[in-house]
Structure formats: C-alpha cells, structure tokens
Protein backbone atom coordinates (compact mmCIF):
# COMPACT_ATOMS: atom_id res chain seq x y z
CA UNK A 1 115.68 124.53 102.84
CA UNK A 2 113.49 122.02 101.89
CA UNK A 3 111.31 120.01 104.23
CA UNK A 4 110.21 116.28 103.78
CA UNK A 5 107.58 114.30 105.52
CA UNK A 6 108.58 110.47 105.69
CA UNK A 7 105.81 107.65 105.90
CA UNK A 8 106.29 107.96 109.59
CA UNK A 9 105.72 111.34 110.05
CA UNK A 10 108.71 112.91 111.18
CA UNK A 11 110.09 115.56 109.75
CA UNK A 12 112.95 115.59 107.35
CA UNK A 13 115.35 118.62 106.52
CA UNK A 14 117.92 118.67 103.53
CA UNK A 15 119.69 121.65 102.91
CA UNK A 16 119.98 121.19 99.30
CA UNK A 17 119.86 117.66 97.30
CA UNK A 18 121.84 115.02 98.31
CA UNK A 19 125.22 114.13 97.39
CA UNK A 20 126.14 111.02 100.36
CA UNK A 21 123.42 108.89 100.35
CA UNK A 22 123.29 105.82 102.40
CA UNK A 23 120.52 103.23 101.41
CA UNK A 24 119.88 101.12 104.41
CA UNK A 25 116.93 98.54 102.63
CA UNK A 26 117.51 96.55 99.97
CA UNK A 27 114.84 96.90 97.39
CA UNK A 28 115.30 101.24 98.31
CA UNK A 29 118.78 100.48 97.07
CA UNK A 30 117.90 98.62 93.58
CA UNK A 31 115.01 102.20 93.71
CA UNK A 32 117.50 104.49 93.43
CA UNK A 33 119.98 103.01 90.60
CA UNK A 34 116.55 102.98 89.04
CA UNK A 35 115.32 106.15 89.45
CA UNK A 36 119.35 107.15 88.03
CA UNK A 37 121.19 107.59 91.25
CA UNK A 38 125.16 106.75 90.81
CA UNK A 39 128.24 108.04 92.62
CA UNK A 40 125.56 109.64 95.47
CA UNK A 41 124.89 106.51 96.58
CA UNK A 42 127.96 105.70 99.12
CA UNK A 43 126.46 103.02 101.38
CA UNK A 44 124.61 99.76 101.43
CA UNK A 45 123.89 96.62 103.39
CA UNK A 46 125.43 93.48 102.74
CA UNK A 47 122.08 92.27 101.75
CA UNK A 48 121.40 94.45 99.03
CA UNK A 49 122.16 92.36 96.53
CA UNK A 50 120.90 94.16 93.41
CA UNK A 51 122.39 96.21 91.01
CA UNK A 52 125.32 93.76 91.58
CA UNK A 53 127.84 95.94 90.30
CA UNK A 54 127.23 98.48 93.25
CA UNK A 55 127.29 95.40 95.36
CA UNK A 56 130.39 94.80 94.40
CA UNK A 57 131.95 98.12 94.18
CA UNK A 58 129.84 100.18 97.05
CA UNK A 59 130.94 100.30 100.95
CA UNK A 60 128.45 98.35 103.00
CA UNK A 61 127.80 99.65 106.43
CA UNK A 62 126.18 96.06 107.87
CA UNK A 63 123.15 94.18 107.85
CA UNK A 64 119.60 96.10 108.02
CA UNK A 65 119.10 95.22 111.99
CA UNK A 66 122.94 95.20 112.94
CA UNK A 67 124.15 97.80 111.13
CA UNK A 68 127.89 99.39 111.59
CA UNK A 69 127.51 102.85 113.10
CA UNK A 70 131.33 103.89 113.08
CA UNK A 71 131.17 103.17 109.24
CA UNK A 72 127.90 105.24 108.58
CA UNK A 73 129.78 108.08 110.62
CA UNK A 74 132.78 107.58 108.45
CA UNK A 75 130.47 107.89 105.25
CA UNK A 76 129.25 111.13 106.56
CA UNK A 77 126.15 110.62 104.58
CA UNK A 78 123.70 113.80 104.09
CA UNK A 79 120.86 111.53 103.62
CA UNK A 80 120.07 108.31 104.85
CA UNK A 81 117.17 106.60 104.01
CA UNK A 82 115.30 103.62 105.78
CA UNK A 83 112.37 101.33 106.96
CA UNK A 84 110.39 100.91 110.01
CA UNK A 85 109.99 97.15 109.48
CA UNK A 86 113.47 96.46 108.39
CA UNK A 87 115.68 98.63 110.64
CA UNK A 88 115.80 98.64 114.31
CA UNK A 89 114.09 101.84 116.36
CA UNK A 90 117.24 102.20 118.53
CA UNK A 91 119.42 102.04 115.92
CA UNK A 92 117.96 104.86 113.72
CA UNK A 93 117.56 106.72 116.98
CA UNK A 94 120.84 106.96 116.93
CA UNK A 95 121.63 108.10 113.49
CA UNK A 96 118.88 110.79 112.98
CA UNK A 97 120.71 112.07 116.03
CA UNK A 98 123.59 112.96 113.82
CA UNK A 99 122.11 112.96 110.18
CA UNK A 100 118.85 113.16 108.03
CA UNK A 101 117.05 109.98 108.14
CA UNK A 102 113.84 109.22 106.12
CA UNK A 103 111.78 106.60 107.05
CA UNK A 104 109.90 104.51 104.64
CA UNK A 105 106.03 102.36 106.07
CA UNK A 106 105.20 99.98 102.81
CA UNK A 107 101.98 97.86 103.57
CA UNK A 108 100.49 98.38 100.13
CA UNK A 109 101.26 98.82 96.59
CA UNK A 110 100.00 102.72 97.35
CA UNK A 111 102.70 102.88 99.69
CA UNK A 112 104.89 101.91 97.79
CA UNK A 113 103.95 104.32 95.09
CA UNK A 114 104.25 107.32 97.70
CA UNK A 115 108.06 106.14 98.45
CA UNK A 116 109.17 106.12 94.91
CA UNK A 117 108.18 109.61 94.23
CA UNK A 118 109.02 110.84 97.51
CA UNK A 119 112.68 109.34 97.52
CA UNK A 120 112.91 110.75 93.73
CA UNK A 121 111.51 114.34 95.08
CA UNK A 122 114.09 114.61 98.10
CA UNK A 123 117.11 113.07 95.60
CA UNK A 124 116.40 115.64 92.86
CA UNK A 125 115.38 112.68 90.56
CA UNK A 126 111.52 112.97 90.66
CA UNK A 127 110.98 112.83 86.90
CA UNK A 128 112.14 109.56 86.85
CA UNK A 129 110.36 108.47 90.21
CA UNK A 130 107.37 109.40 88.76
CA UNK A 131 108.13 107.29 85.66
CA UNK A 132 108.86 104.74 87.20
CA UNK A 133 105.12 105.08 89.69
CA UNK A 134 103.47 105.34 86.25
CA UNK A 135 104.72 102.68 84.98
CA UNK A 136 104.20 100.20 88.29
CA UNK A 137 101.27 101.30 87.77
CA UNK A 138 100.25 100.24 84.35
CA UNK A 139 101.33 97.04 85.26
CA UNK A 140 99.35 95.93 88.05
CA UNK A 141 96.14 98.03 86.53
CA UNK A 142 96.31 94.89 83.60
CA UNK A 143 96.79 92.25 87.14
CA UNK A 144 93.05 91.38 87.65
CA UNK A 145 91.64 91.75 90.47
CA UNK A 146 89.85 88.57 92.13
CA UNK A 147 86.52 90.12 94.19
CA UNK A 148 86.27 86.69 96.05
CA UNK A 149 90.00 84.50 95.90
CA UNK A 150 89.46 81.14 95.28
CA UNK A 151 92.24 79.68 96.32
CA UNK A 152 93.76 79.90 100.24
CA UNK A 153 97.72 79.76 100.50
CA UNK A 154 100.17 79.52 103.47
CA UNK A 155 103.06 81.62 102.90
CA UNK A 156 106.11 80.69 104.46
CA UNK A 157 109.35 82.73 105.27
CA UNK A 158 111.17 80.90 107.75
CA UNK A 159 111.40 77.20 108.48
CA UNK A 160 112.97 76.83 111.80
CA UNK A 161 110.96 78.30 113.82
CA UNK A 162 108.28 77.93 111.08
CA UNK A 163 107.01 81.26 110.37
CA UNK A 164 104.60 83.05 108.27
CA UNK A 165 103.51 86.19 106.98
CA UNK A 166 99.90 87.77 108.19
CA UNK A 167 97.38 90.28 107.50
CA UNK A 168 98.55 94.50 107.66
CA UNK A 169 102.00 93.57 105.73
CA UNK A 170 102.91 94.08 101.87
CA UNK A 171 103.10 90.57 101.19
CA UNK A 172 99.53 89.37 102.37
CA UNK A 173 98.64 92.95 100.22
CA UNK A 174 100.08 91.33 97.27
CA UNK A 175 98.73 87.82 97.87
CA UNK A 176 95.28 89.28 97.49
CA UNK A 177 96.24 91.10 94.91
CA UNK A 178 97.37 88.28 92.61
CA UNK A 179 93.63 86.30 93.87
CA UNK A 180 94.75 84.24 96.61
CA UNK A 181 93.56 84.15 100.47
CA UNK A 182 95.79 84.15 102.97
CA UNK A 183 94.75 81.75 105.02
CA UNK A 184 96.82 83.23 108.20
CA UNK A 185 95.54 86.81 107.71
CA UNK A 186 92.88 87.85 110.16
CA UNK A 187 93.62 84.56 112.34
CA UNK A 188 92.36 84.50 115.34
CA UNK A 189 95.59 83.16 117.61
CA UNK A 190 97.55 85.38 115.65
CA UNK A 191 96.07 88.39 116.40
CA UNK A 192 98.26 91.66 116.23
CA UNK A 193 101.32 89.79 115.03
CA UNK A 194 102.80 90.14 111.66
CA UNK A 195 104.88 87.48 110.96
CA UNK A 196 103.38 84.60 113.54
CA UNK A 197 105.73 81.55 114.13
CA UNK A 198 103.02 78.66 113.35
CA UNK A 199 103.56 75.13 114.16
CA UNK A 200 102.75 71.94 111.53
CA UNK A 201 99.62 71.31 113.60
CA UNK A 202 98.38 75.30 112.74
CA UNK A 203 99.38 74.53 109.16
CA UNK A 204 98.16 71.43 108.62
CA UNK A 205 94.03 72.60 110.50
CA UNK A 206 94.66 75.93 108.42
CA UNK A 207 94.87 73.39 105.07
CA UNK A 208 95.57 75.64 102.73
CA UNK A 209 94.96 74.40 98.99
CA UNK A 210 99.06 75.81 98.08
CA UNK A 211 101.81 76.38 100.28
CA UNK A 212 103.81 79.12 99.22
CA UNK A 213 107.94 78.46 100.66
CA UNK A 214 109.71 81.83 99.72
CA UNK A 215 113.13 82.02 98.35
CA UNK A 216 113.74 84.97 101.37
CA UNK A 217 114.54 85.81 104.06
CA UNK A 218 115.18 81.70 104.44
CA UNK A 219 116.55 80.69 101.22
CA UNK A 220 113.86 77.44 100.90
CA UNK A 221 115.22 75.27 98.52
CA UNK A 222 113.63 71.61 96.68
CA UNK A 223 115.17 69.54 99.46
CA UNK A 224 111.99 71.34 102.09
CA UNK A 225 109.43 70.70 99.61
CA UNK A 226 109.77 66.84 100.58
CA UNK A 227 108.47 67.85 104.49
CA UNK A 228 105.48 70.27 103.49
CA UNK A 229 104.47 68.04 100.74
CA UNK A 230 104.39 64.64 103.65
CA UNK A 231 102.96 67.18 106.35
CA UNK A 232 99.80 68.31 103.46
CA UNK A 233 99.87 65.66 100.51
CA UNK A 234 96.35 67.91 99.29
CA UNK A 235 98.76 70.82 98.78
CA UNK A 236 100.34 72.11 96.34
CA UNK A 237 104.36 72.90 97.56
CA UNK A 238 105.82 75.11 95.54
CA UNK A 239 108.98 77.66 95.77
CA UNK A 240 108.58 81.81 95.40
CA UNK A 241 110.50 84.37 94.45
CA UNK A 242 110.70 86.28 97.32
CA UNK A 243 112.01 89.18 96.27
CA UNK A 244 109.13 89.86 93.97
CA UNK A 245 106.15 89.59 96.89
CA UNK A 246 108.50 91.40 99.26
CA UNK A 247 111.01 94.13 97.73
CA UNK A 248 108.86 97.39 97.15
CA UNK A 249 110.95 99.57 94.80
CA UNK A 250 111.42 99.08 91.02
CA UNK A 251 111.56 95.45 91.42
CA UNK A 252 107.47 95.48 91.11
CA UNK A 253 107.81 96.30 87.40
CA UNK A 254 108.71 92.48 87.69
CA UNK A 255 106.24 91.53 89.66
CA UNK A 256 102.88 91.88 88.59
CA UNK A 257 103.73 89.66 85.72
CA UNK A 258 104.97 87.49 88.02
CA UNK A 259 102.16 87.21 89.92
CA UNK A 260 100.06 87.14 86.92
CA UNK A 261 101.37 84.04 85.89
CA UNK A 262 101.20 82.16 89.81
CA UNK A 263 98.02 83.35 90.03
CA UNK A 264 97.50 81.46 86.63
CA UNK A 265 98.98 78.44 87.06
C-alpha cells in the first residue's frame, strides 16, 4: 500500500495508481496532460484552460478558491491534487476527510521539479515526469544567472487594489532567475506579505526601471499601460504573460526561453 508525502509534509495513502483524478490547480492540470494522463482525469477547475480540449470536455468542479464539493463527491476521485497557495485550507480539510489529497507547495524551480516527479510517481507516469523535469532543467541551465541584477522591476498582479509580489513567491524566484531585482522583495513596509497591496506613492518611491503588468490573475491590457506611464514616465511599462511567471508545471518548458527574451529586451 504505497504512501506518499506531499509538499506540506502530509502523508497520502493510495491503494493503487489512481484511476479517477481531480486537479484543483490549472498549472498542475496542464502537467497531468503533459505526462500522459487522459481519461484518468475526471475533474478540473473552471480556470484550467490548458489543454483546451480538457477545458471543453472535462467536468468542472468550481474555482480554485471556491470548489463545488458536492460535484467532487459525485465524481468520487481516488486522488485529488491541490496547492497550498491556490486552494483554501477549509475546503482542503473537508476533502481530505473523504479522499486522498496531495498538496503541492512551490516557491522555487527545485520545488517544481520535485512536484512534477512526485505527481508522476503517484500517477504511474514517473518515467514521463522525470524526463519532463530533466528537459525543463536543461532549459533553465541555459538561462544566465545574474549575480548582481541591474534592472529593477515591479510586477503587478492586480489593478484595484493594486497588488504586487514580494519575496518567497514563485514569481519573485523567476524574476530573480532572469536577472531582475524585485523592488518589493524584502521591503520593510510589507514584511511577511507575499502579495501586498501597494499605493501609487509606494510605486513612485520604489521607482522601478520596468513595470511588468501580468496577464493574470488580473487581465492587464494595453489600456492600463497609459495610467502607469503617466505615473512613472521614466519607467518602461509592458504586459507580460503571467502563465510564464507563475505556472510551475509543464509550462516551464516554454518559460525559460520567454524569461531569456524578457531579460534581453
């Protein structure tokens, strides 16, 4: 009877490779498809837009932070895969009373490698998962490491209230990995806050070289750029693909090249 330890240190017991899997996280849904699962995945969230065929055909069990627990019970999964940050503690605790629930906790690339391989091992696709992790690792090995980042950035994830990312987040880790200095990492005013709300004055005082407006979770568009250009006329303002900075599954295969492109532009 295999026992697994998730990334929150919880023991998860499976009687056999799962045949009815529910994914509560978009990036991990995409990962399951990438390592070869198909009919085994019976439920996904409404935000699991990749792959498109699954988004159209799989049962949707609510949003990442507002799950339809009754629908999940109807689907009778033998494994649920969630994430500490994206899912709520209360809903996960309710689900784990009835089903095996494996939780990821990804703040770094190494955490992502571990998550990919462990999910593959649980789902009887370890070979494919190990190969995927290796390919991602090879891609990131080619991404130059800047010991002293020269470009300061503010990465915004929400408009009203204005929200950014601080230290100990996967996004901050990737920003550092591609040679950017996050002006709100280790900021004394926002100590202990991973995704702090900031004011226009906070942004002006930080005075980043670049302002990166993420395409998700808030869908910043070109129309928003004008506001920030007027606020900080000397900063370069641009829209970036949020999936490349925050999806920690198979999307990382594309992320390394994207980050290199951002670094060099």
